[in-house]
Full PDB file with SEQRES, HELIX, SHEET, SSBOND, CRYST1, ORIGX, SCALE, CONECT and MASTER records, all heavy atoms in Angstrom:
SEQRES   1 A   44  ILE GLY LEU ALA PRO LEU ILE SER ARG TYR LEU LEU THR          
SEQRES   2 A   44  ASP PRO ARG SER TYR TYR PRO LEU VAL GLY ILE ALA PRO          
SEQRES   3 A   44  ILE LEU PRO ILE VAL ALA VAL SER SER VAL LEU ARG GLY          
SEQRES   4 A   44  TYR PHE GLN GLY ARG                                          
HELIX    1 AA1 ALA A    4  LEU A    6  1                                   3    
HELIX    2 AA2 ILE A    7  LEU A   11  3                                   5    
HELIX    3 AA3 PRO A   15  SER A   17  5                                   3    
HELIX    4 AA4 TYR A   18  ILE A   24  1                                   7    
HELIX    5 AA5 ILE A   27  GLY A   43  1                                  17    
CRYST1    1.000    1.000    1.000  90.00  90.00  90.00 P 1           1          
ORIGX1      1.000000  0.000000  0.000000        0.00000                         
ORIGX2      0.000000  1.000000  0.000000        0.00000                         
ORIGX3      0.000000  0.000000  1.000000        0.00000                         
SCALE1      1.000000  0.000000  0.000000        0.00000                         
SCALE2      0.000000  1.000000  0.000000        0.00000                         
SCALE3      0.000000  0.000000  1.000000        0.00000                         
ATOM      1  N   ILE A   1      -3.545  -0.438   7.230  1.00  0.00           N  
ATOM      2  CA  ILE A   1      -3.357   0.467   8.361  1.00  0.00           C  
ATOM      3  C   ILE A   1      -3.523  -0.281   9.680  1.00  0.00           C  
ATOM      4  O   ILE A   1      -2.762  -0.080  10.638  1.00  0.00           O  
ATOM      5  CB  ILE A   1      -4.347   1.651   8.270  1.00  0.00           C  
ATOM      6  CG1 ILE A   1      -4.009   2.520   7.057  1.00  0.00           C  
ATOM      7  CG2 ILE A   1      -4.317   2.482   9.544  1.00  0.00           C  
ATOM      8  CD1 ILE A   1      -5.016   3.616   6.791  1.00  0.00           C  
ATOM      9  N   GLY A   2      -4.502  -1.173   9.736  1.00  0.00           N  
ATOM     10  CA  GLY A   2      -4.737  -1.926  10.962  1.00  0.00           C  
ATOM     11  C   GLY A   2      -3.619  -2.882  11.317  1.00  0.00           C  
ATOM     12  O   GLY A   2      -3.304  -3.076  12.501  1.00  0.00           O  
ATOM     13  N   LEU A   3      -2.989  -3.478  10.309  1.00  0.00           N  
ATOM     14  CA  LEU A   3      -1.928  -4.458  10.557  1.00  0.00           C  
ATOM     15  C   LEU A   3      -0.536  -3.838  10.659  1.00  0.00           C  
ATOM     16  O   LEU A   3       0.416  -4.537  10.993  1.00  0.00           O  
ATOM     17  CB  LEU A   3      -1.918  -5.506   9.437  1.00  0.00           C  
ATOM     18  CG  LEU A   3      -3.135  -6.444   9.360  1.00  0.00           C  
ATOM     19  CD1 LEU A   3      -2.996  -7.382   8.171  1.00  0.00           C  
ATOM     20  CD2 LEU A   3      -3.289  -7.245  10.654  1.00  0.00           C  
ATOM     21  N   ALA A   4      -0.417  -2.546  10.350  1.00  0.00           N  
ATOM     22  CA  ALA A   4       0.902  -1.899  10.320  1.00  0.00           C  
ATOM     23  C   ALA A   4       1.696  -2.065  11.619  1.00  0.00           C  
ATOM     24  O   ALA A   4       2.903  -2.353  11.567  1.00  0.00           O  
ATOM     25  CB  ALA A   4       0.746  -0.413   9.970  1.00  0.00           C  
ATOM     26  N   PRO A   5       1.083  -1.908  12.821  1.00  0.00           N  
ATOM     27  CA  PRO A   5       1.879  -2.086  14.047  1.00  0.00           C  
ATOM     28  C   PRO A   5       2.454  -3.498  14.183  1.00  0.00           C  
ATOM     29  O   PRO A   5       3.607  -3.666  14.597  1.00  0.00           O  
ATOM     30  CB  PRO A   5       0.874  -1.779  15.165  1.00  0.00           C  
ATOM     31  CG  PRO A   5      -0.183  -0.957  14.521  1.00  0.00           C  
ATOM     32  CD  PRO A   5      -0.296  -1.465  13.115  1.00  0.00           C  
ATOM     33  N   LEU A   6       1.657  -4.509  13.830  1.00  0.00           N  
ATOM     34  CA  LEU A   6       2.128  -5.887  13.949  1.00  0.00           C  
ATOM     35  C   LEU A   6       3.215  -6.200  12.929  1.00  0.00           C  
ATOM     36  O   LEU A   6       4.222  -6.843  13.252  1.00  0.00           O  
ATOM     37  CB  LEU A   6       0.947  -6.854  13.768  1.00  0.00           C  
ATOM     38  CG  LEU A   6      -0.197  -6.739  14.798  1.00  0.00           C  
ATOM     39  CD1 LEU A   6      -1.331  -7.685  14.431  1.00  0.00           C  
ATOM     40  CD2 LEU A   6       0.328  -7.041  16.193  1.00  0.00           C  
ATOM     41  N   ILE A   7       3.015  -5.746  11.686  1.00  0.00           N  
ATOM     42  CA  ILE A   7       3.994  -6.026  10.629  1.00  0.00           C  
ATOM     43  C   ILE A   7       5.338  -5.390  10.955  1.00  0.00           C  
ATOM     44  O   ILE A   7       6.392  -6.019  10.832  1.00  0.00           O  
ATOM     45  CB  ILE A   7       3.470  -5.506   9.270  1.00  0.00           C  
ATOM     46  CG1 ILE A   7       2.244  -6.306   8.830  1.00  0.00           C  
ATOM     47  CG2 ILE A   7       4.562  -5.604   8.200  1.00  0.00           C  
ATOM     48  CD1 ILE A   7       1.546  -5.727   7.612  1.00  0.00           C  
ATOM     49  N   SER A   8       5.298  -4.125  11.396  1.00  0.00           N  
ATOM     50  CA  SER A   8       6.548  -3.406  11.654  1.00  0.00           C  
ATOM     51  C   SER A   8       7.317  -3.989  12.840  1.00  0.00           C  
ATOM     52  O   SER A   8       8.538  -4.111  12.795  1.00  0.00           O  
ATOM     53  CB  SER A   8       6.261  -1.924  11.890  1.00  0.00           C  
ATOM     54  OG  SER A   8       5.397  -1.757  12.997  1.00  0.00           O  
ATOM     55  N   ARG A   9       6.598  -4.367  13.875  1.00  0.00           N  
ATOM     56  CA  ARG A   9       7.281  -4.813  15.092  1.00  0.00           C  
ATOM     57  C   ARG A   9       7.724  -6.269  15.019  1.00  0.00           C  
ATOM     58  O   ARG A   9       8.855  -6.604  15.401  1.00  0.00           O  
ATOM     59  CB  ARG A   9       6.370  -4.611  16.313  1.00  0.00           C  
ATOM     60  CG  ARG A   9       6.994  -5.041  17.637  1.00  0.00           C  
ATOM     61  CD  ARG A   9       6.107  -4.664  18.810  1.00  0.00           C  
ATOM     62  NE  ARG A   9       5.982  -3.226  18.932  1.00  0.00           N  
ATOM     63  CZ  ARG A   9       6.866  -2.451  19.576  1.00  0.00           C  
ATOM     64  NH1 ARG A   9       7.945  -2.981  20.129  1.00  0.00           N  
ATOM     65  NH2 ARG A   9       6.658  -1.154  19.655  1.00  0.00           N  
ATOM     66  N   TYR A  10       6.856  -7.143  14.522  1.00  0.00           N  
ATOM     67  CA  TYR A  10       7.139  -8.571  14.641  1.00  0.00           C  
ATOM     68  C   TYR A  10       7.670  -9.209  13.354  1.00  0.00           C  
ATOM     69  O   TYR A  10       8.362 -10.227  13.421  1.00  0.00           O  
ATOM     70  CB  TYR A  10       5.874  -9.315  15.090  1.00  0.00           C  
ATOM     71  CG  TYR A  10       5.408  -8.881  16.455  1.00  0.00           C  
ATOM     72  CD1 TYR A  10       4.264  -8.108  16.610  1.00  0.00           C  
ATOM     73  CD2 TYR A  10       6.127  -9.226  17.600  1.00  0.00           C  
ATOM     74  CE1 TYR A  10       3.830  -7.686  17.856  1.00  0.00           C  
ATOM     75  CE2 TYR A  10       5.707  -8.815  18.865  1.00  0.00           C  
ATOM     76  CZ  TYR A  10       4.560  -8.043  18.983  1.00  0.00           C  
ATOM     77  OH  TYR A  10       4.157  -7.633  20.225  1.00  0.00           O  
ATOM     78  N   LEU A  11       7.351  -8.653  12.190  1.00  0.00           N  
ATOM     79  CA  LEU A  11       7.807  -9.250  10.944  1.00  0.00           C  
ATOM     80  C   LEU A  11       9.047  -8.553  10.389  1.00  0.00           C  
ATOM     81  O   LEU A  11      10.026  -9.203  10.040  1.00  0.00           O  
ATOM     82  CB  LEU A  11       6.682  -9.241   9.902  1.00  0.00           C  
ATOM     83  CG  LEU A  11       5.461 -10.098  10.240  1.00  0.00           C  
ATOM     84  CD1 LEU A  11       4.432 -10.020   9.129  1.00  0.00           C  
ATOM     85  CD2 LEU A  11       5.862 -11.551  10.497  1.00  0.00           C  
ATOM     86  N   LEU A  12       8.995  -7.223  10.327  1.00  0.00           N  
ATOM     87  CA  LEU A  12      10.137  -6.476   9.805  1.00  0.00           C  
ATOM     88  C   LEU A  12      11.196  -6.214  10.873  1.00  0.00           C  
ATOM     89  O   LEU A  12      12.289  -5.746  10.555  1.00  0.00           O  
ATOM     90  CB  LEU A  12       9.666  -5.147   9.206  1.00  0.00           C  
ATOM     91  CG  LEU A  12       8.683  -5.273   8.032  1.00  0.00           C  
ATOM     92  CD1 LEU A  12       8.272  -3.890   7.535  1.00  0.00           C  
ATOM     93  CD2 LEU A  12       9.288  -6.085   6.907  1.00  0.00           C  
ATOM     94  N   THR A  13      10.859  -6.509  12.123  1.00  0.00           N  
ATOM     95  CA  THR A  13      11.771  -6.414  13.282  1.00  0.00           C  
ATOM     96  C   THR A  13      12.324  -5.008  13.494  1.00  0.00           C  
ATOM     97  O   THR A  13      13.345  -4.848  14.157  1.00  0.00           O  
ATOM     98  CB  THR A  13      12.946  -7.417  13.164  1.00  0.00           C  
ATOM     99  OG1 THR A  13      13.806  -7.016  12.092  1.00  0.00           O  
ATOM    100  CG2 THR A  13      12.446  -8.835  12.939  1.00  0.00           C  
ATOM    101  N   ASP A  14      11.672  -4.005  12.919  1.00  0.00           N  
ATOM    102  CA  ASP A  14      12.094  -2.614  13.129  1.00  0.00           C  
ATOM    103  C   ASP A  14      10.828  -1.774  13.282  1.00  0.00           C  
ATOM    104  O   ASP A  14      10.169  -1.446  12.290  1.00  0.00           O  
ATOM    105  CB  ASP A  14      12.925  -2.109  11.946  1.00  0.00           C  
ATOM    106  CG  ASP A  14      13.668  -0.819  12.289  1.00  0.00           C  
ATOM    107  OD1 ASP A  14      13.141  -0.034  13.100  1.00  0.00           O  
ATOM    108  OD2 ASP A  14      14.768  -0.595  11.745  1.00  0.00           O  
ATOM    109  N   PRO A  15      10.452  -1.416  14.522  1.00  0.00           N  
ATOM    110  CA  PRO A  15       9.192  -0.693  14.753  1.00  0.00           C  
ATOM    111  C   PRO A  15       9.096   0.624  13.986  1.00  0.00           C  
ATOM    112  O   PRO A  15       7.992   1.122  13.746  1.00  0.00           O  
ATOM    113  CB  PRO A  15       9.202  -0.446  16.271  1.00  0.00           C  
ATOM    114  CG  PRO A  15      10.113  -1.499  16.827  1.00  0.00           C  
ATOM    115  CD  PRO A  15      11.150  -1.721  15.780  1.00  0.00           C  
ATOM    116  N   ARG A  16      10.229   1.198  13.584  1.00  0.00           N  
ATOM    117  CA  ARG A  16      10.193   2.472  12.860  1.00  0.00           C  
ATOM    118  C   ARG A  16       9.564   2.334  11.478  1.00  0.00           C  
ATOM    119  O   ARG A  16       9.122   3.329  10.886  1.00  0.00           O  
ATOM    120  CB  ARG A  16      11.614   3.022  12.716  1.00  0.00           C  
ATOM    121  CG  ARG A  16      12.288   3.363  14.039  1.00  0.00           C  
ATOM    122  CD  ARG A  16      13.741   3.742  13.809  1.00  0.00           C  
ATOM    123  NE  ARG A  16      14.497   2.645  13.208  1.00  0.00           N  
ATOM    124  CZ  ARG A  16      15.756   2.751  12.778  1.00  0.00           C  
ATOM    125  NH1 ARG A  16      16.394   3.900  12.872  1.00  0.00           N  
ATOM    126  NH2 ARG A  16      16.361   1.704  12.250  1.00  0.00           N  
ATOM    127  N   SER A  17       9.488   1.116  10.944  1.00  0.00           N  
ATOM    128  CA  SER A  17       8.880   0.922   9.625  1.00  0.00           C  
ATOM    129  C   SER A  17       7.356   1.119   9.654  1.00  0.00           C  
ATOM    130  O   SER A  17       6.714   1.136   8.604  1.00  0.00           O  
ATOM    131  CB  SER A  17       9.212  -0.469   9.081  1.00  0.00           C  
ATOM    132  OG  SER A  17       8.725  -1.484   9.938  1.00  0.00           O  
ATOM    133  N   TYR A  18       6.787   1.292  10.865  1.00  0.00           N  
ATOM    134  CA  TYR A  18       5.348   1.555  10.984  1.00  0.00           C  
ATOM    135  C   TYR A  18       4.955   2.825  10.232  1.00  0.00           C  
ATOM    136  O   TYR A  18       3.925   2.869   9.556  1.00  0.00           O  
ATOM    137  CB  TYR A  18       4.975   1.684  12.466  1.00  0.00           C  
ATOM    138  CG  TYR A  18       3.610   2.274  12.709  1.00  0.00           C  
ATOM    139  CD1 TYR A  18       2.453   1.500  12.604  1.00  0.00           C  
ATOM    140  CD2 TYR A  18       3.467   3.627  13.041  1.00  0.00           C  
ATOM    141  CE1 TYR A  18       1.196   2.049  12.821  1.00  0.00           C  
ATOM    142  CE2 TYR A  18       2.214   4.184  13.258  1.00  0.00           C  
ATOM    143  CZ  TYR A  18       1.087   3.385  13.150  1.00  0.00           C  
ATOM    144  OH  TYR A  18      -0.151   3.941  13.365  1.00  0.00           O  
ATOM    145  N   TYR A  19       5.781   3.859  10.333  1.00  0.00           N  
ATOM    146  CA  TYR A  19       5.426   5.157   9.761  1.00  0.00           C  
ATOM    147  C   TYR A  19       5.374   5.129   8.229  1.00  0.00           C  
ATOM    148  O   TYR A  19       4.416   5.643   7.636  1.00  0.00           O  
ATOM    149  CB  TYR A  19       6.402   6.224  10.264  1.00  0.00           C  
ATOM    150  CG  TYR A  19       6.363   6.370  11.764  1.00  0.00           C  
ATOM    151  CD1 TYR A  19       7.332   5.764  12.572  1.00  0.00           C  
ATOM    152  CD2 TYR A  19       5.357   7.091  12.388  1.00  0.00           C  
ATOM    153  CE1 TYR A  19       7.289   5.871  13.951  1.00  0.00           C  
ATOM    154  CE2 TYR A  19       5.305   7.213  13.773  1.00  0.00           C  
ATOM    155  CZ  TYR A  19       6.270   6.596  14.548  1.00  0.00           C  
ATOM    156  OH  TYR A  19       6.221   6.695  15.910  1.00  0.00           O  
ATOM    157  N   PRO A  20       6.363   4.536   7.539  1.00  0.00           N  
ATOM    158  CA  PRO A  20       6.220   4.406   6.086  1.00  0.00           C  
ATOM    159  C   PRO A  20       5.017   3.556   5.674  1.00  0.00           C  
ATOM    160  O   PRO A  20       4.367   3.837   4.659  1.00  0.00           O  
ATOM    161  CB  PRO A  20       7.536   3.750   5.652  1.00  0.00           C  
ATOM    162  CG  PRO A  20       8.503   4.071   6.732  1.00  0.00           C  
ATOM    163  CD  PRO A  20       7.704   4.109   7.994  1.00  0.00           C  
ATOM    164  N   LEU A  21       4.693   2.513   6.453  1.00  0.00           N  
ATOM    165  CA  LEU A  21       3.555   1.659   6.116  1.00  0.00           C  
ATOM    166  C   LEU A  21       2.241   2.446   6.150  1.00  0.00           C  
ATOM    167  O   LEU A  21       1.403   2.313   5.254  1.00  0.00           O  
ATOM    168  CB  LEU A  21       3.478   0.482   7.089  1.00  0.00           C  
ATOM    169  CG  LEU A  21       4.519  -0.632   6.923  1.00  0.00           C  
ATOM    170  CD1 LEU A  21       4.455  -1.610   8.090  1.00  0.00           C  
ATOM    171  CD2 LEU A  21       4.317  -1.360   5.612  1.00  0.00           C  
ATOM    172  N   VAL A  22       2.075   3.259   7.170  1.00  0.00           N  
ATOM    173  CA  VAL A  22       0.850   4.057   7.287  1.00  0.00           C  
ATOM    174  C   VAL A  22       0.831   5.163   6.236  1.00  0.00           C  
ATOM    175  O   VAL A  22      -0.216   5.463   5.644  1.00  0.00           O  
ATOM    176  CB  VAL A  22       0.742   4.648   8.705  1.00  0.00           C  
ATOM    177  CG1 VAL A  22      -0.417   5.645   8.794  1.00  0.00           C  
ATOM    178  CG2 VAL A  22       0.541   3.531   9.722  1.00  0.00           C  
ATOM    179  N   GLY A  23       1.991   5.760   5.961  1.00  0.00           N  
ATOM    180  CA  GLY A  23       2.061   6.849   4.999  1.00  0.00           C  
ATOM    181  C   GLY A  23       1.696   6.438   3.585  1.00  0.00           C  
ATOM    182  O   GLY A  23       1.133   7.233   2.815  1.00  0.00           O  
ATOM    183  N   ILE A  24       1.969   5.183   3.222  1.00  0.00           N  
ATOM    184  CA  ILE A  24       1.751   4.738   1.840  1.00  0.00           C  
ATOM    185  C   ILE A  24       0.374   4.113   1.639  1.00  0.00           C  
ATOM    186  O   ILE A  24      -0.080   3.937   0.499  1.00  0.00           O  
ATOM    187  CB  ILE A  24       2.844   3.714   1.439  1.00  0.00           C  
ATOM    188  CG1 ILE A  24       2.940   3.570  -0.078  1.00  0.00           C  
ATOM    189  CG2 ILE A  24       2.584   2.356   2.087  1.00  0.00           C  
ATOM    190  CD1 ILE A  24       3.371   4.799  -0.795  1.00  0.00           C  
ATOM    191  N   ALA A  25      -0.348   3.783   2.713  1.00  0.00           N  
ATOM    192  CA  ALA A  25      -1.619   3.054   2.603  1.00  0.00           C  
ATOM    193  C   ALA A  25      -2.654   3.738   1.706  1.00  0.00           C  
ATOM    194  O   ALA A  25      -3.354   3.053   0.935  1.00  0.00           O  
ATOM    195  CB  ALA A  25      -2.206   2.807   3.993  1.00  0.00           C  
ATOM    196  N   PRO A  26      -2.815   5.073   1.727  1.00  0.00           N  
ATOM    197  CA  PRO A  26      -3.852   5.695   0.878  1.00  0.00           C  
ATOM    198  C   PRO A  26      -3.629   5.536  -0.616  1.00  0.00           C  
ATOM    199  O   PRO A  26      -4.515   5.885  -1.405  1.00  0.00           O  
ATOM    200  CB  PRO A  26      -3.775   7.182   1.282  1.00  0.00           C  
ATOM    201  CG  PRO A  26      -3.185   7.190   2.647  1.00  0.00           C  
ATOM    202  CD  PRO A  26      -2.217   6.048   2.655  1.00  0.00           C  
ATOM    203  N   ILE A  27      -2.491   5.001  -1.015  1.00  0.00           N  
ATOM    204  CA  ILE A  27      -2.230   4.853  -2.450  1.00  0.00           C  
ATOM    205  C   ILE A  27      -3.054   3.717  -3.058  1.00  0.00           C  
ATOM    206  O   ILE A  27      -3.259   3.679  -4.282  1.00  0.00           O  
ATOM    207  CB  ILE A  27      -0.722   4.598  -2.697  1.00  0.00           C  
ATOM    208  CG1 ILE A  27      -0.333   5.019  -4.122  1.00  0.00           C  
ATOM    209  CG2 ILE A  27      -0.364   3.138  -2.479  1.00  0.00           C  
ATOM    210  CD1 ILE A  27       1.154   4.962  -4.387  1.00  0.00           C  
ATOM    211  N   LEU A  28      -3.555   2.800  -2.232  1.00  0.00           N  
ATOM    212  CA  LEU A  28      -4.187   1.591  -2.756  1.00  0.00           C  
ATOM    213  C   LEU A  28      -5.396   1.863  -3.649  1.00  0.00           C  
ATOM    214  O   LEU A  28      -5.453   1.356  -4.783  1.00  0.00           O  
ATOM    215  CB  LEU A  28      -4.565   0.653  -1.605  1.00  0.00           C  
ATOM    216  CG  LEU A  28      -3.376   0.026  -0.863  1.00  0.00           C  
ATOM    217  CD1 LEU A  28      -3.856  -0.802   0.322  1.00  0.00           C  
ATOM    218  CD2 LEU A  28      -2.560  -0.843  -1.805  1.00  0.00           C  
ATOM    219  N   PRO A  29      -6.417   2.641  -3.223  1.00  0.00           N  
ATOM    220  CA  PRO A  29      -7.539   2.888  -4.150  1.00  0.00           C  
ATOM    221  C   PRO A  29      -7.121   3.673  -5.387  1.00  0.00           C  
ATOM    222  O   PRO A  29      -7.695   3.486  -6.468  1.00  0.00           O  
ATOM    223  CB  PRO A  29      -8.541   3.675  -3.294  1.00  0.00           C  
ATOM    224  CG  PRO A  29      -7.761   4.194  -2.143  1.00  0.00           C  
ATOM    225  CD  PRO A  29      -6.651   3.227  -1.896  1.00  0.00           C  
ATOM    226  N   ILE A  30      -6.117   4.539  -5.259  1.00  0.00           N  
ATOM    227  CA  ILE A  30      -5.661   5.321  -6.414  1.00  0.00           C  
ATOM    228  C   ILE A  30      -5.031   4.408  -7.456  1.00  0.00           C  
ATOM    229  O   ILE A  30      -5.348   4.474  -8.650  1.00  0.00           O  
ATOM    230  CB  ILE A  30      -4.662   6.404  -5.959  1.00  0.00           C  
ATOM    231  CG1 ILE A  30      -5.312   7.341  -4.941  1.00  0.00           C  
ATOM    232  CG2 ILE A  30      -4.144   7.197  -7.154  1.00  0.00           C  
ATOM    233  CD1 ILE A  30      -4.340   8.334  -4.317  1.00  0.00           C  
ATOM    234  N   VAL A  31      -4.151   3.526  -7.003  1.00  0.00           N  
ATOM    235  CA  VAL A  31      -3.484   2.593  -7.917  1.00  0.00           C  
ATOM    236  C   VAL A  31      -4.495   1.637  -8.544  1.00  0.00           C  
ATOM    237  O   VAL A  31      -4.410   1.309  -9.730  1.00  0.00           O  
ATOM    238  CB  VAL A  31      -2.378   1.810  -7.176  1.00  0.00           C  
ATOM    239  CG1 VAL A  31      -1.861   0.662  -8.028  1.00  0.00           C  
ATOM    240  CG2 VAL A  31      -1.226   2.735  -6.823  1.00  0.00           C  
ATOM    241  N   ALA A  32      -5.449   1.172  -7.752  1.00  0.00           N  
ATOM    242  CA  ALA A  32      -6.429   0.204  -8.254  1.00  0.00           C  
ATOM    243  C   ALA A  32      -7.254   0.786  -9.394  1.00  0.00           C  
ATOM    244  O   ALA A  32      -7.430   0.156 -10.447  1.00  0.00           O  
ATOM    245  CB  ALA A  32      -7.335  -0.253  -7.109  1.00  0.00           C  
ATOM    246  N   VAL A  33      -7.761   2.001  -9.208  1.00  0.00           N  
ATOM    247  CA  VAL A  33      -8.555   2.645 -10.262  1.00  0.00           C  
ATOM    248  C   VAL A  33      -7.682   2.937 -11.484  1.00  0.00           C  
ATOM    249  O   VAL A  33      -8.084   2.704 -12.628  1.00  0.00           O  
ATOM    250  CB  VAL A  33      -9.206   3.933  -9.729  1.00  0.00           C  
ATOM    251  CG1 VAL A  33      -9.879   4.714 -10.859  1.00  0.00           C  
ATOM    252  CG2 VAL A  33     -10.237   3.597  -8.648  1.00  0.00           C  
ATOM    253  N   SER A  34      -6.468   3.424 -11.249  1.00  0.00           N  
ATOM    254  CA  SER A  34      -5.560   3.733 -12.360  1.00  0.00           C  
ATOM    255  C   SER A  34      -5.234   2.497 -13.176  1.00  0.00           C  
ATOM    256  O   SER A  34      -5.147   2.554 -14.406  1.00  0.00           O  
ATOM    257  CB  SER A  34      -4.267   4.354 -11.829  1.00  0.00           C  
ATOM    258  OG  SER A  34      -4.500   5.591 -11.209  1.00  0.00           O  
ATOM    259  N   SER A  35      -5.051   1.356 -12.506  1.00  0.00           N  
ATOM    260  CA  SER A  35      -4.671   0.135 -13.221  1.00  0.00           C  
ATOM    261  C   SER A  35      -5.778  -0.329 -14.168  1.00  0.00           C  
ATOM    262  O   SER A  35      -5.500  -0.793 -15.282  1.00  0.00           O  
ATOM    263  CB  SER A  35      -4.328  -0.980 -12.221  1.00  0.00           C  
ATOM    264  OG  SER A  35      -5.486  -1.412 -11.527  1.00  0.00           O  
ATOM    265  N   VAL A  36      -7.029  -0.187 -13.748  1.00  0.00           N  
ATOM    266  CA  VAL A  36      -8.150  -0.568 -14.615  1.00  0.00           C  
ATOM    267  C   VAL A  36      -8.240   0.374 -15.814  1.00  0.00           C  
ATOM    268  O   VAL A  36      -8.448  -0.064 -16.958  1.00  0.00           O  
ATOM    269  CB  VAL A  36      -9.467  -0.574 -13.818  1.00  0.00           C  
ATOM    270  CG1 VAL A  36     -10.660  -0.726 -14.756  1.00  0.00           C  
ATOM    271  CG2 VAL A  36      -9.468  -1.698 -12.793  1.00  0.00           C  
ATOM    272  N   LEU A  37      -8.092   1.673 -15.574  1.00  0.00           N  
ATOM    273  CA  LEU A  37      -8.162   2.641 -16.671  1.00  0.00           C  
ATOM    274  C   LEU A  37      -7.031   2.404 -17.674  1.00  0.00           C  
ATOM    275  O   LEU A  37      -7.249   2.461 -18.891  1.00  0.00           O  
ATOM    276  CB  LEU A  37      -8.091   4.069 -16.125  1.00  0.00           C  
ATOM    277  CG  LEU A  37      -9.259   4.507 -15.222  1.00  0.00           C  
ATOM    278  CD1 LEU A  37      -9.050   5.935 -14.735  1.00  0.00           C  
ATOM    279  CD2 LEU A  37     -10.587   4.383 -15.959  1.00  0.00           C  
ATOM    280  N   ARG A  38      -5.824   2.123 -17.178  1.00  0.00           N  
ATOM    281  CA  ARG A  38      -4.711   1.833 -18.090  1.00  0.00           C  
ATOM    282  C   ARG A  38      -4.996   0.563 -18.890  1.00  0.00           C  
ATOM    283  O   ARG A  38      -4.727   0.501 -20.092  1.00  0.00           O  
ATOM    284  CB  ARG A  38      -3.413   1.677 -17.301  1.00  0.00           C  
ATOM    285  CG  ARG A  38      -2.854   2.977 -16.752  1.00  0.00           C  
ATOM    286  CD  ARG A  38      -1.438   2.787 -16.227  1.00  0.00           C  
ATOM    287  NE  ARG A  38      -0.893   4.024 -15.724  1.00  0.00           N  
ATOM    288  CZ  ARG A  38      -0.731   4.315 -14.427  1.00  0.00           C  
ATOM    289  NH1 ARG A  38      -1.089   3.426 -13.511  1.00  0.00           N  
ATOM    290  NH2 ARG A  38      -0.217   5.466 -14.046  1.00  0.00           N  
ATOM    291  N   GLY A  39      -5.518  -0.461 -18.213  1.00  0.00           N  
ATOM    292  CA  GLY A  39      -5.836  -1.702 -18.905  1.00  0.00           C  
ATOM    293  C   GLY A  39      -6.856  -1.499 -20.010  1.00  0.00           C  
ATOM    294  O   GLY A  39      -6.760  -2.106 -21.078  1.00  0.00           O  
ATOM    295  N   TYR A  40      -7.838  -0.614 -19.760  1.00  0.00           N  
ATOM    296  CA  TYR A  40      -8.860  -0.330 -20.773  1.00  0.00           C  
ATOM    297  C   TYR A  40      -8.229   0.311 -22.009  1.00  0.00           C  
ATOM    298  O   TYR A  40      -8.477  -0.110 -23.147  1.00  0.00           O  
ATOM    299  CB  TYR A  40      -9.925   0.592 -20.171  1.00  0.00           C  
ATOM    300  CG  TYR A  40     -10.979   1.027 -21.165  1.00  0.00           C  
ATOM    301  CD1 TYR A  40     -12.026   0.186 -21.509  1.00  0.00           C  
ATOM    302  CD2 TYR A  40     -10.909   2.284 -21.763  1.00  0.00           C  
ATOM    303  CE1 TYR A  40     -12.989   0.584 -22.421  1.00  0.00           C  
ATOM    304  CE2 TYR A  40     -11.870   2.685 -22.679  1.00  0.00           C  
ATOM    305  CZ  TYR A  40     -12.904   1.824 -23.004  1.00  0.00           C  
ATOM    306  OH  TYR A  40     -13.844   2.213 -23.915  1.00  0.00           O  
ATOM    307  N   PHE A  41      -7.428   1.340 -21.813  1.00  0.00           N  
ATOM    308  CA  PHE A  41      -6.798   2.015 -22.952  1.00  0.00           C  
ATOM    309  C   PHE A  41      -5.812   1.099 -23.670  1.00  0.00           C  
ATOM    310  O   PHE A  41      -5.711   1.109 -24.901  1.00  0.00           O  
ATOM    311  CB  PHE A  41      -6.087   3.283 -22.484  1.00  0.00           C  
ATOM    312  CG  PHE A  41      -7.016   4.416 -22.147  1.00  0.00           C  
ATOM    313  CD1 PHE A  41      -7.042   4.964 -20.872  1.00  0.00           C  
ATOM    314  CD2 PHE A  41      -7.878   4.934 -23.101  1.00  0.00           C  
ATOM    315  CE1 PHE A  41      -7.895   5.998 -20.556  1.00  0.00           C  
ATOM    316  CE2 PHE A  41      -8.737   5.974 -22.795  1.00  0.00           C  
ATOM    317  CZ  PHE A  41      -8.753   6.506 -21.521  1.00  0.00           C  
ATOM    318  N   GLN A  42      -5.075   0.280 -22.910  1.00  0.00           N  
ATOM    319  CA  GLN A  42      -4.123  -0.652 -23.525  1.00  0.00           C  
ATOM    320  C   GLN A  42      -4.854  -1.704 -24.354  1.00  0.00           C  
ATOM    321  O   GLN A  42      -4.374  -2.115 -25.417  1.00  0.00           O  
ATOM    322  CB  GLN A  42      -3.260  -1.309 -22.445  1.00  0.00           C  
ATOM    323  CG  GLN A  42      -2.280  -0.350 -21.792  1.00  0.00           C  
ATOM    324  CD  GLN A  42      -1.827  -0.795 -20.422  1.00  0.00           C  
ATOM    325  OE1 GLN A  42      -2.076  -1.928 -20.004  1.00  0.00           O  
ATOM    326  NE2 GLN A  42      -1.166   0.093 -19.692  1.00  0.00           N  
ATOM    327  N   GLY A  43      -6.013  -2.152 -23.864  1.00  0.00           N  
ATOM    328  CA  GLY A  43      -6.800  -3.112 -24.618  1.00  0.00           C  
ATOM    329  C   GLY A  43      -7.270  -2.551 -25.948  1.00  0.00           C  
ATOM    330  O   GLY A  43      -7.393  -3.282 -26.937  1.00  0.00           O  
ATOM    331  N   ARG A  44      -7.517  -1.252 -25.981  1.00  0.00           N  
ATOM    332  CA  ARG A  44      -7.907  -0.601 -27.230  1.00  0.00           C  
ATOM    333  C   ARG A  44      -6.677  -0.152 -28.020  1.00  0.00           C  
ATOM    334  O   ARG A  44      -6.791   0.571 -29.006  1.00  0.00           O  
ATOM    335  CB  ARG A  44      -8.842   0.579 -26.938  1.00  0.00           C  
ATOM    336  CG  ARG A  44     -10.094   0.130 -26.176  1.00  0.00           C  
ATOM    337  CD  ARG A  44     -11.173   1.183 -26.156  1.00  0.00           C  
ATOM    338  NE  ARG A  44     -11.824   1.312 -27.456  1.00  0.00           N  
ATOM    339  CZ  ARG A  44     -12.929   2.034 -27.662  1.00  0.00           C  
ATOM    340  NH1 ARG A  44     -13.495   2.667 -26.655  1.00  0.00           N  
ATOM    341  NH2 ARG A  44     -13.446   2.115 -28.865  1.00  0.00           N  
TER     342      ARG A  44                                                      
MASTER        0    0    0    5    0    0    0    6  341    1    0    4          
END                                                                             
């Protein structure tokens, strides 16, 4: 979330990409926990 303004403006060269970057950020802890749980069941 903190880097979204810089990434959208200077790296992706389209400032409008800021909004999708911020919108998707909350997925990170959800995906992280899910990946460990899937790995546990797959290991068994």
